[in-house]
C-alpha atoms as a PDB file:
ATOM      1  CA  ARG A   1      -0.120   0.206  -0.521  1.00  0.00           C
ATOM      2  CA  PRO A   2       1.469   3.572  -0.553  1.00  0.00           C
ATOM      3  CA  ALA A   3       2.687   5.465   1.932  1.00  0.00           C
ATOM      4  CA  HIS A   4       0.446   8.447   2.659  1.00  0.00           C
ATOM      5  CA  ARG A   5      -2.739   7.311   0.827  1.00  0.00           C
ATOM      6  CA  ARG A   6      -5.620   7.705   2.149  1.00  0.00           C
ATOM      7  CA  GLY A   7      -9.525   7.154   1.424  1.00  0.00           C
ATOM      8  CA  GLY A   8     -11.932   9.589   0.602  1.00  0.00           C
ATOM      9  CA  ARG A   9     -14.537   9.107   2.935  1.00  0.00           C
ATOM     10  CA  PRO A  10     -14.859  10.444   6.491  1.00  0.00           C
ATOM     11  CA  ALA A  11     -13.277   8.179   8.880  1.00  0.00           C
ATOM     12  CA  HIS A  12     -16.196   7.685  10.841  1.00  0.00           C
ATOM     13  CA  ALA A  13     -17.920   6.322   7.800  1.00  0.00           C
ATOM     14  CA  ARG A  14     -15.253   3.142   6.904  1.00  0.00           C
ATOM     15  CA  PRO A  15     -16.811   0.025   7.651  1.00  0.00           C
ATOM     16  CA  SER A  16     -16.197  -1.370  10.463  1.00  0.00           C
ATOM     17  CA  ARG A  17     -12.921  -3.850  10.622  1.00  0.00           C
ATOM     18  CA  SER A  18     -14.337  -6.339  13.623  1.00  0.00           C
ATOM     19  CA  ARG A  19     -16.215  -8.833  11.387  1.00  0.00           C
ATOM     20  CA  PRO A  20     -16.590  -9.195   7.588  1.00  0.00           C
ATOM     21  CA  GLN A  21     -19.061  -6.737   5.613  1.00  0.00           C
ATOM     22  CA  THR A  22     -21.217  -9.385   4.396  1.00  0.00           C
ATOM     23  CA  GLY A  23     -25.099  -7.709   5.009  1.00  0.00           C
ATOM     24  CA  LEU A  24     -25.861 -10.167   7.390  1.00  0.00           C
ATOM     25  CA  GLY A  25     -27.743  -7.290   8.823  1.00  0.00           C
ATOM     26  CA  PRO A  26     -26.991  -5.471  11.953  1.00  0.00           C
ATOM     27  CA  THR A  27     -25.834  -6.042  15.691  1.00  0.00           C
ATOM     28  CA  PRO A  28     -27.975  -6.718  18.542  1.00  0.00           C
ATOM     29  CA  LEU A  29     -28.051  -2.904  19.903  1.00  0.00           C
ATOM     30  CA  ARG A  30     -26.634  -2.846  23.213  1.00  0.00           C
ATOM     31  CA  HIS A  31     -27.307  -0.965  26.723  1.00  0.00           C
ATOM     32  CA  ARG A  32     -25.664  -1.429  29.574  1.00  0.00           C
ATOM     33  CA  LEU A  33     -28.512  -0.438  32.085  1.00  0.00           C
ATOM     34  CA  ASP A  34     -26.224  -1.882  34.943  1.00  0.00           C
ATOM     35  CA  THR A  35     -23.242  -0.534  34.222  1.00  0.00           C
ATOM     36  CA  VAL A  36     -24.539   4.037  34.730  1.00  0.00           C
ATOM     37  CA  ALA A  37     -22.037   6.627  35.654  1.00  0.00           C
ATOM     38  CA  ILE A  38     -22.197   8.988  38.765  1.00  0.00           C
ATOM     39  CA  ALA A  39     -24.071  11.375  36.459  1.00  0.00           C
ATOM     40  CA  GLY A  40     -26.774   9.022  35.561  1.00  0.00           C
ATOM     41  CA  THR A  41     -25.904   7.936  32.090  1.00  0.00           C
ATOM     42  CA  CYS A  42     -25.284   4.597  30.364  1.00  0.00           C
ATOM     43  CA  GLN A  43     -23.773   3.728  27.143  1.00  0.00           C
ATOM     44  CA  VAL A  44     -25.383   2.558  23.927  1.00  0.00           C
ATOM     45  CA  THR A  45     -23.734   0.849  20.959  1.00  0.00           C
ATOM     46  CA  GLY A  46     -24.816  -1.282  18.080  1.00  0.00           C
ATOM     47  CA  GLU A  47     -24.734  -1.513  14.420  1.00  0.00           C
ATOM     48  CA  LEU A  48     -27.527   0.041  11.952  1.00  0.00           C
ATOM     49  CA  ASP A  49     -28.976  -0.432   8.844  1.00  0.00           C
ATOM     50  CA  LEU A  50     -26.819   2.277   6.628  1.00  0.00           C
ATOM     51  CA  ALA A  51     -30.136   3.368   5.641  1.00  0.00           C
ATOM     52  CA  ASP A  52     -31.674   3.353   8.784  1.00  0.00           C
ATOM     53  CA  ALA A  53     -28.775   4.961  10.401  1.00  0.00           C
ATOM     54  CA  ILE A  54     -29.086   7.621   8.113  1.00  0.00           C
ATOM     55  CA  ASP A  55     -32.569   8.530   9.128  1.00  0.00           C
ATOM     56  CA  LEU A  56     -31.554   8.243  12.610  1.00  0.00           C
ATOM     57  CA  HIS A  57     -28.992  10.856  12.116  1.00  0.00           C
ATOM     58  CA  ASN A  58     -30.938  12.838  10.306  1.00  0.00           C
ATOM     59  CA  ALA A  59     -34.053  12.860  13.125  1.00  0.00           C
ATOM     60  CA  LEU A  60     -31.343  13.902  16.028  1.00  0.00           C
ATOM     61  CA  THR A  61     -30.317  16.792  14.312  1.00  0.00           C
ATOM     62  CA  ALA A  62     -33.769  17.822  13.445  1.00  0.00           C
ATOM     63  CA  ASP A  63     -34.283  17.303  17.461  1.00  0.00           C
ATOM     64  CA  ALA A  64     -30.932  18.937  18.051  1.00  0.00           C
ATOM     65  CA  GLN A  65     -32.165  21.767  16.151  1.00  0.00           C
ATOM     66  CA  VAL A  66     -35.870  22.635  18.291  1.00  0.00           C
ATOM     67  CA  GLN A  67     -33.842  22.042  21.029  1.00  0.00           C
ATOM     68  CA  ALA A  68     -31.012  25.059  19.822  1.00  0.00           C
ATOM     69  CA  ASP A  69     -34.215  27.442  18.951  1.00  0.00           C
ATOM     70  CA  LEU A  70     -36.169  27.212  22.190  1.00  0.00           C
ATOM     71  CA  GLY A  71     -32.768  28.360  23.952  1.00  0.00           C
ATOM     72  CA  SER A  72     -30.771  25.367  24.968  1.00  0.00           C
ATOM     73  CA  PRO A  73     -27.546  26.432  25.914  1.00  0.00           C
ATOM     74  CA  LEU A  74     -26.469  22.601  25.184  1.00  0.00           C
ATOM     75  CA  THR A  75     -23.594  21.597  22.556  1.00  0.00           C
ATOM     76  CA  LEU A  76     -24.460  19.936  19.450  1.00  0.00           C
ATOM     77  CA  ASP A  77     -23.425  16.585  20.557  1.00  0.00           C
ATOM     78  CA  GLN A  78     -25.466  17.026  23.755  1.00  0.00           C
ATOM     79  CA  ARG A  79     -28.649  18.218  22.071  1.00  0.00           C
ATOM     80  CA  ARG A  80     -28.491  14.522  20.009  1.00  0.00           C
ATOM     81  CA  SER A  81     -27.873  12.927  22.830  1.00  0.00           C
ATOM     82  CA  VAL A  82     -30.907  14.348  24.456  1.00  0.00           C
ATOM     83  CA  ALA A  83     -33.135  14.120  21.332  1.00  0.00           C
ATOM     84  CA  VAL A  84     -32.549  10.170  21.442  1.00  0.00           C
ATOM     85  CA  GLY A  85     -34.560  10.109  24.687  1.00  0.00           C
ATOM     86  CA  ASN A  86     -37.302  12.947  22.934  1.00  0.00           C
ATOM     87  CA  ILE A  87     -37.761  10.690  20.113  1.00  0.00           C
ATOM     88  CA  ALA A  88     -38.339   7.219  22.491  1.00  0.00           C
ATOM     89  CA  ARG A  89     -40.625   9.077  24.491  1.00  0.00           C
ATOM     90  CA  ARG A  90     -42.641  10.003  21.692  1.00  0.00           C
ATOM     91  CA  ASP A  91     -42.363   6.443  20.389  1.00  0.00           C
ATOM     92  CA  LEU A  92     -44.134   5.418  23.622  1.00  0.00           C
ATOM     93  CA  THR A  93     -47.271   7.505  22.701  1.00  0.00           C
ATOM     94  CA  LEU A  94     -48.115   4.667  19.680  1.00  0.00           C
ATOM     95  CA  ASP A  95     -50.656   1.744  20.326  1.00  0.00           C
ATOM     96  CA  TYR A  96     -48.644  -1.201  20.877  1.00  0.00           C
ATOM     97  CA  PRO A  97     -50.407  -4.319  21.259  1.00  0.00           C
ATOM     98  CA  GLN A  98     -47.534  -5.294  24.068  1.00  0.00           C
ATOM     99  CA  MET A  99     -45.657  -2.800  26.875  1.00  0.00           C
ATOM    100  CA  VAL A 100     -43.030  -3.590  29.049  1.00  0.00           C
ATOM    101  CA  ASP A 101     -43.071  -3.389  32.505  1.00  0.00           C
ATOM    102  CA  ASP A 102     -40.136  -2.889  35.264  1.00  0.00           C
ATOM    103  CA  GLU A 103     -38.721  -6.371  35.327  1.00  0.00           C
ATOM    104  CA  HIS A 104     -38.408  -5.991  31.108  1.00  0.00           C
ATOM    105  CA  GLN A 105     -41.106  -9.029  30.873  1.00  0.00           C
ATOM    106  CA  PRO A 106     -43.745  -8.041  28.020  1.00  0.00           C
ATOM    107  CA  GLN A 107     -47.035  -7.590  29.160  1.00  0.00           C
ATOM    108  CA  THR A 108     -50.582  -7.389  27.670  1.00  0.00           C
ATOM    109  CA  LYS A 109     -51.744  -3.939  27.111  1.00  0.00           C
ATOM    110  CA  PRO A 110     -55.447  -3.386  27.966  1.00  0.00           C
ATOM    111  CA  SER A 111     -57.139  -2.828  24.067  1.00  0.00           C
ATOM    112  CA  LYS A 112     -58.942   0.605  23.318  1.00  0.00           C
ATOM    113  CA  PRO A 113     -60.395   2.068  20.641  1.00  0.00           C
ATOM    114  CA  SER A 114     -56.713   3.675  18.871  1.00  0.00           C
ATOM    115  CA  LYS A 115     -56.421   6.829  16.578  1.00  0.00           C
ATOM    116  CA  PRO A 116     -55.481   6.941  13.153  1.00  0.00           C
ATOM    117  CA  SER A 117     -51.927   7.151  13.036  1.00  0.00           C
ATOM    118  CA  LYS A 118     -50.166   9.940  11.806  1.00  0.00           C
ATOM    119  CA  PRO A 119     -48.343   9.063   8.612  1.00  0.00           C
ATOM    120  CA  SER A 120     -44.320   8.611   8.644  1.00  0.00           C
ATOM    121  CA  LYS A 121     -42.137  10.680   6.319  1.00  0.00           C
ATOM    122  CA  PRO A 122     -41.251   8.965   3.069  1.00  0.00           C
ATOM    123  CA  ARG A 123     -37.934   7.590   3.225  1.00  0.00           C
ATOM    124  CA  ASP A 124     -36.843   9.187  -0.037  1.00  0.00           C
ATOM    125  CA  MET A 125     -34.798   7.493  -2.729  1.00  0.00           C
ATOM    126  CA  VAL A 126     -32.885   8.341  -5.915  1.00  0.00           C
ATOM    127  CA  LEU A 127     -31.540   5.853  -7.960  1.00  0.00           C
ATOM    128  CA  TYR A 128     -28.316   6.546 -10.959  1.00  0.00           C
ATOM    129  CA  LEU A 129     -28.640   2.897 -12.741  1.00  0.00           C
ATOM    130  CA  HIS A 130     -25.771   2.591 -14.727  1.00  0.00           C
ATOM    131  CA  LEU A 131     -25.406  -0.229 -17.386  1.00  0.00           C
ATOM    132  CA  ALA A 132     -21.937  -0.946 -19.006  1.00  0.00           C
ATOM    133  CA  ASP A 133     -21.454  -3.466 -22.682  1.00  0.00           C
ATOM    134  CA  PRO A 134     -19.099  -6.062 -20.041  1.00  0.00           C
ATOM    135  CA  ALA A 135     -22.870  -6.202 -17.729  1.00  0.00           C
ATOM    136  CA  THR A 136     -25.184  -7.816 -20.600  1.00  0.00           C
ATOM    137  CA  THR A 137     -22.594 -10.940 -20.855  1.00  0.00           C
ATOM    138  CA  ALA A 138     -22.800 -13.787 -18.317  1.00  0.00           C
ATOM    139  CA  GLY A 139     -20.153 -13.373 -15.416  1.00  0.00           C
ATOM    140  CA  SER A 140     -19.407 -10.176 -15.796  1.00  0.00           C
ATOM    141  CA  THR A 141     -18.032  -8.707 -12.284  1.00  0.00           C
ATOM    142  CA  THR A 142     -18.585  -5.178 -13.367  1.00  0.00           C
ATOM    143  CA  GLY A 143     -20.311  -3.064 -10.678  1.00  0.00           C
ATOM    144  CA  SER A 144     -18.729  -5.400  -8.191  1.00  0.00           C
ATOM    145  CA  MET A 145     -16.393  -6.122  -5.009  1.00  0.00           C
ATOM    146  CA  GLY A 146     -14.705  -9.421  -4.500  1.00  0.00           C
ATOM    147  CA  GLY A 147     -17.523 -10.823  -6.306  1.00  0.00           C
ATOM    148  CA  TRP A 148     -20.608  -9.185  -4.916  1.00  0.00           C
ATOM    149  CA  SER A 149     -22.330  -6.900  -6.936  1.00  0.00           C
ATOM    150  CA  VAL A 150     -22.235  -3.468  -5.447  1.00  0.00           C
ATOM    151  CA  GLY A 151     -23.175   0.394  -5.413  1.00  0.00           C
ATOM    152  CA  ARG A 152     -22.664   3.308  -3.744  1.00  0.00           C
ATOM    153  CA  VAL A 153     -24.207   5.443  -1.749  1.00  0.00           C
ATOM    154  CA  GLU A 154     -24.009   9.572  -2.325  1.00  0.00           C
ATOM    155  CA  ASN A 155     -24.523  10.419   1.748  1.00  0.00           C
ATOM    156  CA  THR A 156     -21.818   8.598   3.111  1.00  0.00           C
ATOM    157  CA  ALA A 157     -19.410   8.175  -0.295  1.00  0.00           C
ATOM    158  CA  THR A 158     -19.208   4.073   0.841  1.00  0.00           C
ATOM    159  CA  PRO A 159     -20.199   1.107  -1.291  1.00  0.00           C
ATOM    160  CA  VAL A 160     -23.323  -1.409  -0.244  1.00  0.00           C
ATOM    161  CA  LEU A 161     -24.175  -4.546  -1.174  1.00  0.00           C
ATOM    162  CA  ALA A 162     -26.725  -4.347  -4.735  1.00  0.00           C
ATOM    163  CA  GLN A 163     -28.604  -6.838  -2.598  1.00  0.00           C
ATOM    164  CA  THR A 164     -29.150  -4.061   0.480  1.00  0.00           C
ATOM    165  CA  ILE A 165     -30.525  -1.343  -2.371  1.00  0.00           C
ATOM    166  CA  ARG A 166     -32.895  -4.035  -3.025  1.00  0.00           C
ATOM    167  CA  THR A 167     -34.178  -4.361   0.228  1.00  0.00           C
ATOM    168  CA  TRP A 168     -34.135  -0.637   0.452  1.00  0.00           C
ATOM    169  CA  CYS A 169     -36.696   0.208  -2.552  1.00  0.00           C
ATOM    170  CA  GLY A 170     -38.717  -2.736  -0.799  1.00  0.00           C
ATOM    171  CA  HIS A 171     -39.587  -0.701   1.950  1.00  0.00           C
ATOM    172  CA  PRO A 172     -43.377   0.401   2.430  1.00  0.00           C
ATOM    173  CA  GLU A 173     -42.391   3.450   3.251  1.00  0.00           C
ATOM    174  CA  ALA A 174     -39.534   4.185   0.344  1.00  0.00           C
ATOM    175  CA  LYS A 175     -40.336   6.733  -2.463  1.00  0.00           C
ATOM    176  CA  ILE A 176     -38.087   5.527  -5.104  1.00  0.00           C
ATOM    177  CA  THR A 177     -37.132   8.296  -7.611  1.00  0.00           C
ATOM    178  CA  VAL A 178     -34.777   6.988 -11.270  1.00  0.00           C
ATOM    179  CA  LYS A 179     -32.898   9.304 -12.954  1.00  0.00           C
ATOM    180  CA  PRO A 180     -32.041   8.821 -16.200  1.00  0.00           C
ATOM    181  CA  VAL A 181     -28.242   7.143 -16.878  1.00  0.00           C
ATOM    182  CA  ILE A 182     -26.031  10.007 -16.582  1.00  0.00           C
ATOM    183  CA  ASP A 183     -22.698   9.577 -18.336  1.00  0.00           C
ATOM    184  CA  VAL A 184     -20.041  10.711 -16.371  1.00  0.00           C
ATOM    185  CA  ALA A 185     -17.278  10.362 -18.374  1.00  0.00           C
ATOM    186  CA  ALA A 186     -19.512  12.425 -21.498  1.00  0.00           C
ATOM    187  CA  HIS A 187     -18.413  15.915 -22.382  1.00  0.00           C
ATOM    188  CA  VAL A 188     -21.402  18.507 -21.567  1.00  0.00           C
ATOM    189  CA  HIS A 189     -20.841  22.317 -22.328  1.00  0.00           C
ATOM    190  CA  HIS A 190     -22.360  25.288 -23.372  1.00  0.00           C
ATOM    191  CA  GLY A 191     -21.113  29.005 -24.258  1.00  0.00           C
ATOM    192  CA  ALA A 192     -21.636  30.694 -21.152  1.00  0.00           C
ATOM    193  CA  TYR A 193     -20.049  30.925 -17.421  1.00  0.00           C
ATOM    194  CA  GLU A 194     -22.941  30.193 -15.116  1.00  0.00           C
ATOM    195  CA  ILE A 195     -23.213  26.431 -14.351  1.00  0.00           C
ATOM    196  CA  ASP A 196     -26.589  24.451 -14.814  1.00  0.00           C
ATOM    197  CA  GLY A 197     -28.214  21.084 -13.675  1.00  0.00           C
ATOM    198  CA  ARG A 198     -26.691  19.202 -17.093  1.00  0.00           C
ATOM    199  CA  ILE A 199     -22.841  20.119 -15.664  1.00  0.00           C
ATOM    200  CA  SER A 200     -23.269  20.396 -12.175  1.00  0.00           C
ATOM    201  CA  GLU A 201     -25.226  17.045 -11.537  1.00  0.00           C
ATOM    202  CA  PRO A 202     -22.589  14.233 -13.673  1.00  0.00           C
ATOM    203  CA  VAL A 203     -19.660  16.564 -12.111  1.00  0.00           C
ATOM    204  CA  ALA A 204     -20.808  15.712  -8.375  1.00  0.00           C
ATOM    205  CA  LEU A 205     -21.780  12.696  -9.541  1.00  0.00           C
ATOM    206  CA  ARG A 206     -18.077  11.649 -10.531  1.00  0.00           C
ATOM    207  CA  ASP A 207     -16.058  13.647  -8.361  1.00  0.00           C
ATOM    208  CA  HIS A 208     -18.132  12.707  -4.978  1.00  0.00           C
ATOM    209  CA  THR A 209     -16.510  15.327  -3.284  1.00  0.00           C
ATOM    210  CA  CYS A 210     -14.637  18.205  -3.134  1.00  0.00           C
ATOM    211  CA  VAL A 211     -11.325  17.359  -5.072  1.00  0.00           C
ATOM    212  CA  PHE A 212      -8.739  19.144  -2.756  1.00  0.00           C
ATOM    213  CA  PRO A 213      -6.331  16.685  -1.341  1.00  0.00           C
ATOM    214  CA  TRP A 214      -8.033  14.775   1.481  1.00  0.00           C
ATOM    215  CA  CYS A 215     -11.000  16.848   1.724  1.00  0.00           C
ATOM    216  CA  THR A 216     -14.066  14.599   2.420  1.00  0.00           C
ATOM    217  CA  LYS A 217     -16.949  17.534   2.258  1.00  0.00           C
ATOM    218  CA  PRO A 218     -20.005  16.302  -0.168  1.00  0.00           C
ATOM    219  CA  ALA A 219     -19.944  17.572  -3.693  1.00  0.00           C
ATOM    220  CA  ARG A 220     -23.978  18.261  -3.487  1.00  0.00           C
ATOM    221  CA  LYS A 221     -26.208  19.543  -0.554  1.00  0.00           C
ATOM    222  CA  LEU A 222     -27.081  16.376   1.008  1.00  0.00           C
ATOM    223  CA  LYS A 223     -28.420  17.480   4.511  1.00  0.00           C
ATOM    224  CA  PRO A 224     -30.704  21.211   5.545  1.00  0.00           C
ATOM    225  CA  GLY A 225     -27.844  23.449   6.366  1.00  0.00           C
ATOM    226  CA  ALA A 226     -25.108  22.393   4.287  1.00  0.00           C
ATOM    227  CA  HIS A 227     -23.775  23.723   1.408  1.00  0.00           C
ATOM    228  CA  ALA A 228     -22.815  22.239  -2.062  1.00  0.00           C
ATOM    229  CA  ALA A 229     -19.604  22.381  -3.704  1.00  0.00           C
ATOM    230  CA  ASP A 230     -18.136  25.364  -6.488  1.00  0.00           C
ATOM    231  CA  CYS A 231     -17.843  23.995  -9.855  1.00  0.00           C
ATOM    232  CA  ASP A 232     -14.531  25.229 -10.417  1.00  0.00           C
ATOM    233  CA  HIS A 233     -12.795  26.341 -14.073  1.00  0.00           C
ATOM    234  CA  ASN A 234      -9.578  24.612 -13.852  1.00  0.00           C
ATOM    235  CA  HIS A 235      -8.669  27.589 -16.422  1.00  0.00           C
ATOM    236  CA  PRO A 236     -10.457  30.631 -16.101  1.00  0.00           C
ATOM    237  CA  TYR A 237     -14.063  31.157 -18.324  1.00  0.00           C
ATOM    238  CA  ALA A 238     -12.468  35.072 -18.481  1.00  0.00           C
ATOM    239  CA  GLU A 239      -9.117  33.863 -19.539  1.00  0.00           C
ATOM    240  CA  GLY A 240     -10.612  31.166 -22.472  1.00  0.00           C
ATOM    241  CA  GLY A 241     -11.715  28.204 -20.272  1.00  0.00           C
ATOM    242  CA  ALA A 242     -14.088  26.312 -21.678  1.00  0.00           C
ATOM    243  CA  THR A 243     -17.518  25.463 -19.399  1.00  0.00           C
ATOM    244  CA  CYS A 244     -17.527  21.940 -19.779  1.00  0.00           C
ATOM    245  CA  THR A 245     -17.626  19.113 -17.595  1.00  0.00           C
ATOM    246  CA  CYS A 246     -13.791  17.916 -18.714  1.00  0.00           C
ATOM    247  CA  GLN A 247     -12.083  21.411 -17.273  1.00  0.00           C
ATOM    248  CA  ILE A 248     -15.087  21.392 -14.641  1.00  0.00           C
ATOM    249  CA  ALA A 249     -14.327  20.339 -10.786  1.00  0.00           C
ATOM    250  CA  ALA A 250     -15.717  20.372  -7.692  1.00  0.00           C
ATOM    251  CA  LEU A 251     -14.505  22.437  -4.605  1.00  0.00           C
ATOM    252  CA  CYS A 252     -16.057  23.461  -1.079  1.00  0.00           C
ATOM    253  CA  ARG A 253     -15.928  26.866  -0.788  1.00  0.00           C
ATOM    254  CA  LYS A 254     -13.128  27.028   1.457  1.00  0.00           C
ATOM    255  CA  HIS A 255     -10.905  25.075  -1.204  1.00  0.00           C
ATOM    256  CA  HIS A 256     -12.216  27.063  -3.878  1.00  0.00           C
ATOM    257  CA  ARG A 257     -11.307  30.105  -2.263  1.00  0.00           C
ATOM    258  CA  LEU A 258      -7.586  28.762  -1.361  1.00  0.00           C
ATOM    259  CA  LYS A 259      -6.968  27.630  -5.244  1.00  0.00           C
ATOM    260  CA  THR A 260      -8.279  31.118  -6.425  1.00  0.00           C
ATOM    261  CA  HIS A 261      -6.231  33.000  -3.661  1.00  0.00           C
ATOM    262  CA  GLY A 262      -3.476  30.991  -2.323  1.00  0.00           C
ATOM    263  CA  HIS A 263      -2.000  29.801  -5.192  1.00  0.00           C
ATOM    264  CA  TRP A 264      -2.364  26.240  -5.299  1.00  0.00           C
ATOM    265  CA  ARG A 265      -3.015  24.954  -8.902  1.00  0.00           C
ATOM    266  CA  TYR A 266      -4.531  21.210 -10.362  1.00  0.00           C
ATOM    267  CA  LEU A 267      -3.813  19.557 -13.625  1.00  0.00           C
ATOM    268  CA  ILE A 268      -6.988  17.713 -14.815  1.00  0.00           C
ATOM    269  CA  LEU A 269      -5.204  14.460 -15.872  1.00  0.00           C
ATOM    270  CA  THR A 270      -8.163  12.894 -16.816  1.00  0.00           C
ATOM    271  CA  PRO A 271     -11.938  13.908 -15.704  1.00  0.00           C
ATOM    272  CA  GLY A 272     -11.985  13.005 -12.411  1.00  0.00           C
ATOM    273  CA  SER A 273      -7.748  12.731 -11.397  1.00  0.00           C
ATOM    274  CA  TYR A 274      -6.555  16.050 -10.700  1.00  0.00           C
ATOM    275  CA  LEU A 275      -2.562  16.738  -9.830  1.00  0.00           C
ATOM    276  CA  TRP A 276      -2.621  19.290  -7.592  1.00  0.00           C
ATOM    277  CA  THR A 277       0.973  21.580  -6.774  1.00  0.00           C
ATOM    278  CA  SER A 278       0.936  23.490  -3.051  1.00  0.00           C
ATOM    279  CA  PRO A 279       2.478  26.969  -3.143  1.00  0.00           C
ATOM    280  CA  HIS A 280       5.668  25.362  -1.655  1.00  0.00           C
ATOM    281  CA  GLY A 281       6.218  22.843  -4.755  1.00  0.00           C
ATOM    282  CA  TYR A 282       4.715  19.853  -3.463  1.00  0.00           C
ATOM    283  CA  HIS A 283       2.160  17.528  -5.823  1.00  0.00           C
ATOM    284  CA  TYR A 284      -0.896  15.430  -4.949  1.00  0.00           C
ATOM    285  CA  LEU A 285      -2.552  12.822  -6.772  1.00  0.00           C
ATOM    286  CA  ARG A 286      -6.087  13.207  -6.517  1.00  0.00           C
ATOM    287  CA  ASP A 287      -9.335  10.589  -7.841  1.00  0.00           C
ATOM    288  CA  HIS A 288     -12.165   8.777  -6.332  1.00  0.00           C
ATOM    289  CA  THR A 289     -10.181   6.217  -4.186  1.00  0.00           C
ATOM    290  CA  GLY A 290      -8.283   8.932  -2.443  1.00  0.00           C
ATOM    291  CA  THR A 291      -5.223  11.606  -2.220  1.00  0.00           C
ATOM    292  CA  LEU A 292      -1.545  10.355  -2.797  1.00  0.00           C
ATOM    293  CA  ASP A 293       1.157  12.599  -2.188  1.00  0.00           C
ATOM    294  CA  VAL A 294       3.781  12.353  -5.177  1.00  0.00           C
ATOM    295  CA  SER A 295       6.159  14.870  -4.319  1.00  0.00           C
ATOM    296  CA  HIS A 296       9.632  13.277  -4.546  1.00  0.00           C
ATOM    297  CA  ASP A 297      10.860  14.153  -0.851  1.00  0.00           C
ATOM    298  CA  ARG A 298       7.298  13.645   0.662  1.00  0.00           C
ATOM    299  CA  GLN A 299       9.137  12.047   3.391  1.00  0.00           C
ATOM    300  CA  ARG A 300      10.623  15.095   4.388  1.00  0.00           C
ATOM    301  CA  ARG A 301       7.710  17.649   3.792  1.00  0.00           C
ATOM    302  CA  ARG A 302       7.771  20.342   6.015  1.00  0.00           C
ATOM    303  CA  HIS A 303       4.353  22.091   4.934  1.00  0.00           C
ATOM    304  CA  PRO A 304       1.203  20.020   5.181  1.00  0.00           C
ATOM    305  CA  PRO A 305      -1.530  20.645   3.304  1.00  0.00           C
ATOM    306  CA  PRO A 306      -4.256  22.803   5.095  1.00  0.00           C
ATOM    307  CA  ALA A 307      -6.706  20.594   7.100  1.00  0.00           C
ATOM    308  CA  ALA A 308     -10.215  19.589   4.958  1.00  0.00           C
END
């Protein structure tokens, strides 16, 4: 494995190495009520289905924002911790057929007329279906990893089994949108400076994240309050640069400004593959696999790139 090579996704999104990633389902959710800190807290750990984890993350973040709007002085992580209890208590108001007593034993709940339940928010799913020529032949491994057919989740920039995606699509609350096949290698261009969806969408699907060395900020806005990456002209439009997918790269606002005003520059080797040069003359190769320091004296490098 080359030195200085890192993945193109956040550390918290990397698969656990404690067990094989075979898609066998989530592990049990563990909470130690017999091990309580003096402050009255306990640890809760578990491994969830990715779609459920994303829904939980969004629900906790939304509840935490409501707390902040109501004047809570707690930090975001503390408010998210409080949100777990808020969501659990709201769930207890549902008319379940069973309840649990103090000894954690199920008991039959008295039947009573139930109120119509509020419809839950649908799980929005957008599918980009890609079909290559080898995929039409028998025994093809196109879109596979170790013999498994895989897809990519844009929210976390991680691969998942195609079987898992099919399960998500079969969920009764799933709202599925199938997008037309987009060839991210095609040259889409026009004569104006402004970037429209015909260019920004394939650029985001190709680059996935900001393409500055080691940056993992998503190329598109994936959650409320976030910002989409800028579409940067490699060669300034005012100086004759083309507005074409082959000359456009996704850069977050911070690194877009750093490239424009901080003397960083990049060369597009192929669409989606970039060779960056720092103000100190060091070189970094960035593509969909991550970042590789290709400087001749990388072991003696004294000017690392700024944090993402």
